[in-house]
Amino acid sequence: MKIYKRKVNYYETDKMGVVHHSNYIRYFEEARTYFLEEIGFPYSKIEQEKIISPVTSVTCQYKKPALYGETLDIEIKLVGLSAVKSTFSYIVKNQNGEINATGQSEHCFLNDKGRIITIKSMPSFKEALDKELEEEN
């Protein structure tokens, strides 16, 4: 598990200072980008290998509104890896440890032609993801 920290910006909120629900999906993306950087595979490195990993599914369960000015911890964990798909889970918490939202996203692996490929086509990336899975179990 990795923890990505971010502060809620004013533009992400409504007139009451509450984070708009659509922003949680963006927070998941930011956390996933951070996760990949932390394991040594930023998107730029993956894309240099002519691999892309689009979102195929995303869910979000809203628990407690996040507010303007709060600092959020987004816990991201790789919870599944198959030959053609990765699955991440997210827990968004405020600075008091209260859960604002939970979610999950799934991603497939495609080549630069948009065709599904297996993660085996980038062995070092697969190894790094496998290591993360092992550490979680």
N, C-alpha and C. Protein backbone atom coordinates (compact mmCIF):
# COMPACT_ATOMS: atom_id res chain seq x y z
N MET A 1 0.83 -1.18 0.00
CA MET A 1 0.00 0.00 0.00
C MET A 1 0.88 1.25 0.00
N LYS A 2 0.47 2.21 -0.77
CA LYS A 2 1.13 3.51 -0.81
C LYS A 2 0.12 4.56 -0.35
N ILE A 3 0.62 5.67 0.18
CA ILE A 3 -0.26 6.76 0.60
C ILE A 3 0.14 8.02 -0.14
N TYR A 4 -0.83 8.55 -0.88
CA TYR A 4 -0.66 9.79 -1.62
C TYR A 4 -1.38 10.90 -0.86
N LYS A 5 -0.68 11.99 -0.59
CA LYS A 5 -1.26 13.11 0.15
C LYS A 5 -1.56 14.26 -0.80
N ARG A 6 -2.70 14.92 -0.55
CA ARG A 6 -3.04 16.10 -1.35
C ARG A 6 -3.99 16.97 -0.55
N LYS A 7 -3.94 18.25 -0.83
CA LYS A 7 -4.81 19.22 -0.19
C LYS A 7 -5.99 19.51 -1.12
N VAL A 8 -7.18 19.65 -0.55
CA VAL A 8 -8.36 19.98 -1.34
C VAL A 8 -8.28 21.43 -1.79
N ASN A 9 -8.39 21.63 -3.09
CA ASN A 9 -8.35 22.98 -3.66
C ASN A 9 -9.75 23.58 -3.71
N TYR A 10 -9.81 24.90 -3.66
CA TYR A 10 -11.09 25.60 -3.66
C TYR A 10 -11.92 25.27 -4.90
N TYR A 11 -11.27 25.22 -6.07
CA TYR A 11 -12.00 24.97 -7.31
C TYR A 11 -12.62 23.58 -7.39
N GLU A 12 -12.25 22.68 -6.48
CA GLU A 12 -12.81 21.33 -6.47
C GLU A 12 -14.11 21.24 -5.65
N THR A 13 -14.50 22.37 -5.07
CA THR A 13 -15.64 22.36 -4.15
C THR A 13 -16.81 23.18 -4.68
N ASP A 14 -17.95 22.98 -4.01
CA ASP A 14 -19.13 23.78 -4.33
C ASP A 14 -19.19 24.98 -3.39
N LYS A 15 -20.29 25.71 -3.41
CA LYS A 15 -20.43 26.92 -2.61
C LYS A 15 -20.34 26.63 -1.10
N MET A 16 -20.63 25.40 -0.71
CA MET A 16 -20.57 25.03 0.71
C MET A 16 -19.18 24.51 1.12
N GLY A 17 -18.24 24.50 0.16
CA GLY A 17 -16.89 24.02 0.47
C GLY A 17 -16.75 22.51 0.44
N VAL A 18 -17.75 21.82 -0.14
CA VAL A 18 -17.74 20.35 -0.21
C VAL A 18 -17.17 19.92 -1.56
N VAL A 19 -16.29 18.95 -1.55
CA VAL A 19 -15.69 18.42 -2.78
C VAL A 19 -16.78 17.82 -3.66
N HIS A 20 -16.78 18.23 -4.93
CA HIS A 20 -17.72 17.67 -5.90
C HIS A 20 -17.38 16.19 -6.11
N HIS A 21 -18.41 15.37 -6.23
CA HIS A 21 -18.20 13.91 -6.29
C HIS A 21 -17.29 13.48 -7.44
N SER A 22 -17.28 14.19 -8.54
CA SER A 22 -16.46 13.77 -9.68
C SER A 22 -14.96 13.85 -9.39
N ASN A 23 -14.58 14.67 -8.43
CA ASN A 23 -13.16 14.83 -8.14
C ASN A 23 -12.52 13.60 -7.52
N TYR A 24 -13.30 12.75 -6.88
CA TYR A 24 -12.72 11.55 -6.27
C TYR A 24 -12.10 10.64 -7.33
N ILE A 25 -12.70 10.59 -8.50
CA ILE A 25 -12.13 9.79 -9.58
C ILE A 25 -10.78 10.38 -10.00
N ARG A 26 -10.70 11.70 -10.02
CA ARG A 26 -9.41 12.35 -10.31
C ARG A 26 -8.39 12.04 -9.22
N TYR A 27 -8.83 12.04 -7.97
CA TYR A 27 -7.92 11.70 -6.87
C TYR A 27 -7.39 10.28 -7.03
N PHE A 28 -8.25 9.37 -7.46
CA PHE A 28 -7.79 8.00 -7.70
C PHE A 28 -6.69 7.98 -8.76
N GLU A 29 -6.91 8.75 -9.83
CA GLU A 29 -5.91 8.81 -10.92
C GLU A 29 -4.59 9.39 -10.41
N GLU A 30 -4.66 10.44 -9.62
CA GLU A 30 -3.44 11.04 -9.06
C GLU A 30 -2.71 10.02 -8.19
N ALA A 31 -3.47 9.30 -7.36
CA ALA A 31 -2.86 8.30 -6.48
C ALA A 31 -2.22 7.17 -7.28
N ARG A 32 -2.89 6.75 -8.35
CA ARG A 32 -2.34 5.66 -9.19
C ARG A 32 -1.06 6.13 -9.88
N THR A 33 -1.05 7.36 -10.35
CA THR A 33 0.16 7.92 -10.96
C THR A 33 1.31 7.93 -9.94
N TYR A 34 1.00 8.36 -8.73
CA TYR A 34 1.99 8.36 -7.65
C TYR A 34 2.49 6.94 -7.38
N PHE A 35 1.56 5.99 -7.28
CA PHE A 35 1.91 4.59 -7.04
C PHE A 35 2.91 4.09 -8.08
N LEU A 36 2.60 4.34 -9.35
CA LEU A 36 3.48 3.87 -10.43
C LEU A 36 4.85 4.53 -10.36
N GLU A 37 4.89 5.82 -10.03
CA GLU A 37 6.17 6.50 -9.85
C GLU A 37 6.97 5.87 -8.71
N GLU A 38 6.29 5.56 -7.63
CA GLU A 38 6.94 4.98 -6.45
C GLU A 38 7.55 3.61 -6.73
N ILE A 39 6.95 2.86 -7.63
CA ILE A 39 7.51 1.53 -7.94
C ILE A 39 8.47 1.58 -9.13
N GLY A 40 8.77 2.80 -9.60
CA GLY A 40 9.75 2.97 -10.66
C GLY A 40 9.21 2.89 -12.08
N PHE A 41 7.89 3.01 -12.23
CA PHE A 41 7.28 2.93 -13.56
C PHE A 41 6.27 4.05 -13.80
N PRO A 42 6.78 5.29 -13.89
CA PRO A 42 5.85 6.38 -14.21
C PRO A 42 5.22 6.13 -15.58
N TYR A 43 4.05 6.74 -15.80
CA TYR A 43 3.37 6.54 -17.08
C TYR A 43 4.29 6.79 -18.27
N SER A 44 5.17 7.78 -18.17
CA SER A 44 6.05 8.09 -19.29
C SER A 44 6.94 6.89 -19.65
N LYS A 45 7.41 6.17 -18.65
CA LYS A 45 8.25 4.99 -18.90
C LYS A 45 7.43 3.86 -19.54
N ILE A 46 6.22 3.67 -19.05
CA ILE A 46 5.35 2.63 -19.60
C ILE A 46 5.01 2.95 -21.06
N GLU A 47 4.69 4.21 -21.31
CA GLU A 47 4.33 4.62 -22.67
C GLU A 47 5.52 4.56 -23.63
N GLN A 48 6.75 4.74 -23.12
CA GLN A 48 7.93 4.58 -23.97
C GLN A 48 8.03 3.15 -24.49
N GLU A 49 7.50 2.21 -23.72
CA GLU A 49 7.48 0.81 -24.13
C GLU A 49 6.29 0.52 -25.04
N LYS A 50 5.56 1.59 -25.41
CA LYS A 50 4.39 1.50 -26.30
C LYS A 50 3.27 0.67 -25.67
N ILE A 51 3.13 0.83 -24.34
CA ILE A 51 2.05 0.19 -23.60
C ILE A 51 1.19 1.28 -22.98
N ILE A 52 -0.12 1.11 -23.10
CA ILE A 52 -1.04 2.00 -22.40
C ILE A 52 -1.94 1.15 -21.52
N SER A 53 -2.50 1.77 -20.50
CA SER A 53 -3.30 1.02 -19.54
C SER A 53 -4.56 1.81 -19.19
N PRO A 54 -5.54 1.80 -20.10
CA PRO A 54 -6.75 2.58 -19.86
C PRO A 54 -7.64 1.98 -18.76
N VAL A 55 -8.44 2.85 -18.18
CA VAL A 55 -9.43 2.42 -17.19
C VAL A 55 -10.54 1.66 -17.91
N THR A 56 -10.87 0.48 -17.41
CA THR A 56 -11.99 -0.28 -17.97
C THR A 56 -13.19 -0.25 -17.02
N SER A 57 -12.94 0.07 -15.76
CA SER A 57 -14.01 0.13 -14.78
C SER A 57 -13.55 0.96 -13.59
N VAL A 58 -14.46 1.74 -13.02
CA VAL A 58 -14.14 2.48 -11.79
C VAL A 58 -15.41 2.58 -10.95
N THR A 59 -15.24 2.41 -9.64
CA THR A 59 -16.34 2.57 -8.71
C THR A 59 -15.91 3.49 -7.58
N CYS A 60 -16.88 4.16 -6.98
CA CYS A 60 -16.59 5.03 -5.85
C CYS A 60 -17.79 5.02 -4.91
N GLN A 61 -17.52 4.77 -3.65
CA GLN A 61 -18.55 4.83 -2.63
C GLN A 61 -18.24 6.03 -1.74
N TYR A 62 -19.20 6.94 -1.66
CA TYR A 62 -19.01 8.17 -0.91
C TYR A 62 -19.46 7.95 0.53
N LYS A 63 -18.59 8.30 1.48
CA LYS A 63 -18.86 8.04 2.89
C LYS A 63 -19.10 9.33 3.70
N LYS A 64 -18.23 10.31 3.51
CA LYS A 64 -18.29 11.57 4.26
C LYS A 64 -17.69 12.65 3.38
N PRO A 65 -18.36 13.79 3.27
CA PRO A 65 -17.83 14.83 2.38
C PRO A 65 -16.43 15.31 2.79
N ALA A 66 -15.56 15.46 1.81
CA ALA A 66 -14.28 16.12 2.03
C ALA A 66 -14.52 17.61 1.82
N LEU A 67 -13.78 18.42 2.57
CA LEU A 67 -14.03 19.86 2.58
C LEU A 67 -12.82 20.66 2.11
N TYR A 68 -13.10 21.86 1.64
CA TYR A 68 -12.03 22.76 1.21
C TYR A 68 -11.00 22.91 2.33
N GLY A 69 -9.73 22.83 1.95
CA GLY A 69 -8.64 23.04 2.89
C GLY A 69 -8.17 21.80 3.61
N GLU A 70 -8.96 20.73 3.57
CA GLU A 70 -8.53 19.50 4.25
C GLU A 70 -7.37 18.87 3.48
N THR A 71 -6.54 18.16 4.22
CA THR A 71 -5.49 17.35 3.61
C THR A 71 -6.00 15.92 3.58
N LEU A 72 -5.95 15.32 2.41
CA LEU A 72 -6.44 13.96 2.22
C LEU A 72 -5.28 12.99 2.06
N ASP A 73 -5.45 11.83 2.67
CA ASP A 73 -4.55 10.71 2.44
C ASP A 73 -5.31 9.73 1.58
N ILE A 74 -4.75 9.38 0.44
CA ILE A 74 -5.38 8.41 -0.44
C ILE A 74 -4.53 7.15 -0.42
N GLU A 75 -5.07 6.12 0.22
CA GLU A 75 -4.38 4.84 0.29
C GLU A 75 -4.67 4.09 -1.00
N ILE A 76 -3.63 3.71 -1.69
CA ILE A 76 -3.79 2.96 -2.93
C ILE A 76 -3.07 1.64 -2.81
N LYS A 77 -3.75 0.61 -3.27
CA LYS A 77 -3.20 -0.73 -3.16
C LYS A 77 -3.51 -1.50 -4.44
N LEU A 78 -2.53 -2.21 -4.95
CA LEU A 78 -2.76 -3.14 -6.06
C LEU A 78 -3.39 -4.39 -5.45
N VAL A 79 -4.61 -4.71 -5.87
CA VAL A 79 -5.32 -5.84 -5.27
C VAL A 79 -5.52 -7.01 -6.24
N GLY A 80 -5.18 -6.79 -7.51
CA GLY A 80 -5.31 -7.87 -8.47
C GLY A 80 -4.46 -7.64 -9.70
N LEU A 81 -3.93 -8.73 -10.22
CA LEU A 81 -3.12 -8.65 -11.44
C LEU A 81 -3.30 -9.96 -12.21
N SER A 82 -3.77 -9.82 -13.42
CA SER A 82 -3.85 -10.98 -14.31
C SER A 82 -2.97 -10.69 -15.51
N ALA A 83 -2.96 -11.57 -16.47
CA ALA A 83 -2.12 -11.37 -17.66
C ALA A 83 -2.50 -10.10 -18.42
N VAL A 84 -3.77 -9.70 -18.35
CA VAL A 84 -4.23 -8.57 -19.17
C VAL A 84 -4.89 -7.45 -18.38
N LYS A 85 -4.91 -7.55 -17.04
CA LYS A 85 -5.66 -6.57 -16.26
C LYS A 85 -5.02 -6.34 -14.89
N SER A 86 -5.09 -5.09 -14.41
CA SER A 86 -4.69 -4.76 -13.04
C SER A 86 -5.88 -4.14 -12.32
N THR A 87 -5.94 -4.34 -11.01
CA THR A 87 -7.02 -3.80 -10.20
C THR A 87 -6.43 -3.10 -8.98
N PHE A 88 -6.89 -1.88 -8.73
CA PHE A 88 -6.42 -1.07 -7.62
C PHE A 88 -7.58 -0.73 -6.70
N SER A 89 -7.31 -0.64 -5.40
CA SER A 89 -8.32 -0.16 -4.46
C SER A 89 -7.84 1.15 -3.85
N TYR A 90 -8.79 1.96 -3.42
CA TYR A 90 -8.50 3.29 -2.88
C TYR A 90 -9.32 3.53 -1.61
N ILE A 91 -8.70 4.18 -0.64
CA ILE A 91 -9.42 4.68 0.53
C ILE A 91 -8.97 6.13 0.71
N VAL A 92 -9.93 7.04 0.67
CA VAL A 92 -9.65 8.46 0.85
C VAL A 92 -10.02 8.83 2.29
N LYS A 93 -9.05 9.38 3.02
CA LYS A 93 -9.28 9.78 4.42
C LYS A 93 -8.88 11.24 4.61
N ASN A 94 -9.59 11.92 5.52
CA ASN A 94 -9.20 13.29 5.86
C ASN A 94 -8.12 13.26 6.94
N GLN A 95 -7.68 14.43 7.36
CA GLN A 95 -6.57 14.51 8.32
C GLN A 95 -6.95 13.95 9.70
N ASN A 96 -8.25 13.75 9.95
CA ASN A 96 -8.69 13.16 11.21
C ASN A 96 -8.83 11.64 11.11
N GLY A 97 -8.49 11.08 9.95
CA GLY A 97 -8.58 9.64 9.75
C GLY A 97 -9.97 9.16 9.38
N GLU A 98 -10.90 10.09 9.16
CA GLU A 98 -12.25 9.71 8.76
C GLU A 98 -12.27 9.36 7.27
N ILE A 99 -13.00 8.32 6.92
CA ILE A 99 -13.05 7.88 5.53
C ILE A 99 -14.05 8.74 4.75
N ASN A 100 -13.55 9.37 3.70
CA ASN A 100 -14.40 10.17 2.81
C ASN A 100 -14.99 9.33 1.69
N ALA A 101 -14.18 8.41 1.16
CA ALA A 101 -14.64 7.60 0.04
C ALA A 101 -13.76 6.37 -0.09
N THR A 102 -14.32 5.35 -0.72
CA THR A 102 -13.56 4.16 -1.08
C THR A 102 -13.87 3.85 -2.54
N GLY A 103 -12.97 3.15 -3.19
CA GLY A 103 -13.23 2.83 -4.58
C GLY A 103 -12.28 1.80 -5.13
N GLN A 104 -12.50 1.50 -6.39
CA GLN A 104 -11.68 0.51 -7.09
C GLN A 104 -11.64 0.87 -8.57
N SER A 105 -10.52 0.57 -9.20
CA SER A 105 -10.43 0.74 -10.66
C SER A 105 -9.74 -0.46 -11.27
N GLU A 106 -10.16 -0.76 -12.50
CA GLU A 106 -9.54 -1.84 -13.27
C GLU A 106 -8.98 -1.24 -14.55
N HIS A 107 -7.87 -1.83 -15.00
CA HIS A 107 -7.16 -1.32 -16.17
C HIS A 107 -6.69 -2.50 -17.00
N CYS A 108 -6.79 -2.37 -18.31
CA CYS A 108 -6.24 -3.41 -19.18
C CYS A 108 -4.91 -2.91 -19.74
N PHE A 109 -4.22 -3.76 -20.45
CA PHE A 109 -2.95 -3.41 -21.08
C PHE A 109 -3.13 -3.48 -22.59
N LEU A 110 -2.78 -2.39 -23.27
CA LEU A 110 -2.91 -2.32 -24.73
C LEU A 110 -1.58 -1.91 -25.33
N ASN A 111 -1.38 -2.33 -26.59
CA ASN A 111 -0.21 -1.83 -27.33
C ASN A 111 -0.58 -0.51 -28.01
N ASP A 112 0.36 0.06 -28.73
CA ASP A 112 0.12 1.36 -29.37
C ASP A 112 -0.88 1.29 -30.53
N LYS A 113 -1.30 0.09 -30.88
CA LYS A 113 -2.33 -0.09 -31.91
C LYS A 113 -3.71 -0.28 -31.28
N GLY A 114 -3.77 -0.27 -29.94
CA GLY A 114 -5.03 -0.43 -29.25
C GLY A 114 -5.46 -1.87 -29.06
N ARG A 115 -4.53 -2.79 -29.23
CA ARG A 115 -4.85 -4.22 -29.08
C ARG A 115 -4.42 -4.70 -27.69
N ILE A 116 -5.22 -5.57 -27.12
CA ILE A 116 -4.92 -6.12 -25.80
C ILE A 116 -3.62 -6.92 -25.86
N ILE A 117 -2.77 -6.69 -24.87
CA ILE A 117 -1.52 -7.44 -24.75
C ILE A 117 -1.41 -7.97 -23.32
N THR A 118 -0.48 -8.85 -23.09
CA THR A 118 -0.26 -9.35 -21.74
C THR A 118 0.85 -8.54 -21.08
N ILE A 119 0.79 -8.50 -19.77
CA ILE A 119 1.80 -7.79 -18.99
C ILE A 119 3.18 -8.41 -19.17
N LYS A 120 3.23 -9.65 -19.63
CA LYS A 120 4.51 -10.33 -19.85
C LYS A 120 5.36 -9.62 -20.90
N SER A 121 4.73 -8.77 -21.72
CA SER A 121 5.49 -8.06 -22.75
C SER A 121 6.42 -7.00 -22.14
N MET A 122 6.25 -6.71 -20.86
CA MET A 122 7.14 -5.79 -20.15
C MET A 122 7.53 -6.46 -18.82
N PRO A 123 8.48 -7.40 -18.86
CA PRO A 123 8.79 -8.23 -17.69
C PRO A 123 9.16 -7.44 -16.43
N SER A 124 9.90 -6.36 -16.57
CA SER A 124 10.31 -5.61 -15.38
C SER A 124 9.11 -4.93 -14.71
N PHE A 125 8.14 -4.50 -15.49
CA PHE A 125 6.92 -3.91 -14.96
C PHE A 125 6.10 -4.97 -14.23
N LYS A 126 5.97 -6.14 -14.85
CA LYS A 126 5.25 -7.25 -14.22
C LYS A 126 5.90 -7.63 -12.90
N GLU A 127 7.21 -7.68 -12.89
CA GLU A 127 7.95 -8.04 -11.67
C GLU A 127 7.67 -7.02 -10.56
N ALA A 128 7.67 -5.74 -10.90
CA ALA A 128 7.41 -4.71 -9.89
C ALA A 128 5.98 -4.81 -9.35
N LEU A 129 5.02 -5.09 -10.22
CA LEU A 129 3.63 -5.25 -9.78
C LEU A 129 3.47 -6.51 -8.94
N ASP A 130 4.09 -7.60 -9.36
CA ASP A 130 4.04 -8.85 -8.58
C ASP A 130 4.60 -8.62 -7.17
N LYS A 131 5.69 -7.87 -7.07
CA LYS A 131 6.30 -7.57 -5.77
C LYS A 131 5.33 -6.82 -4.87
N GLU A 132 4.59 -5.85 -5.44
CA GLU A 132 3.61 -5.10 -4.67
C GLU A 132 2.50 -6.00 -4.17
N LEU A 133 2.05 -6.92 -5.01
CA LEU A 133 1.01 -7.87 -4.60
C LEU A 133 1.50 -8.76 -3.45
N GLU A 134 2.72 -9.24 -3.56
CA GLU A 134 3.29 -10.10 -2.53
C GLU A 134 3.38 -9.37 -1.20
N GLU A 135 3.77 -8.11 -1.22
CA GLU A 135 3.90 -7.33 0.00
C GLU A 135 2.56 -7.11 0.68
N GLU A 136 1.49 -7.09 -0.09
CA GLU A 136 0.15 -6.88 0.47
C GLU A 136 -0.43 -8.14 1.09
N ASN A 137 0.08 -9.29 0.66
CA ASN A 137 -0.48 -10.56 1.16
C ASN A 137 0.35 -11.18 2.23
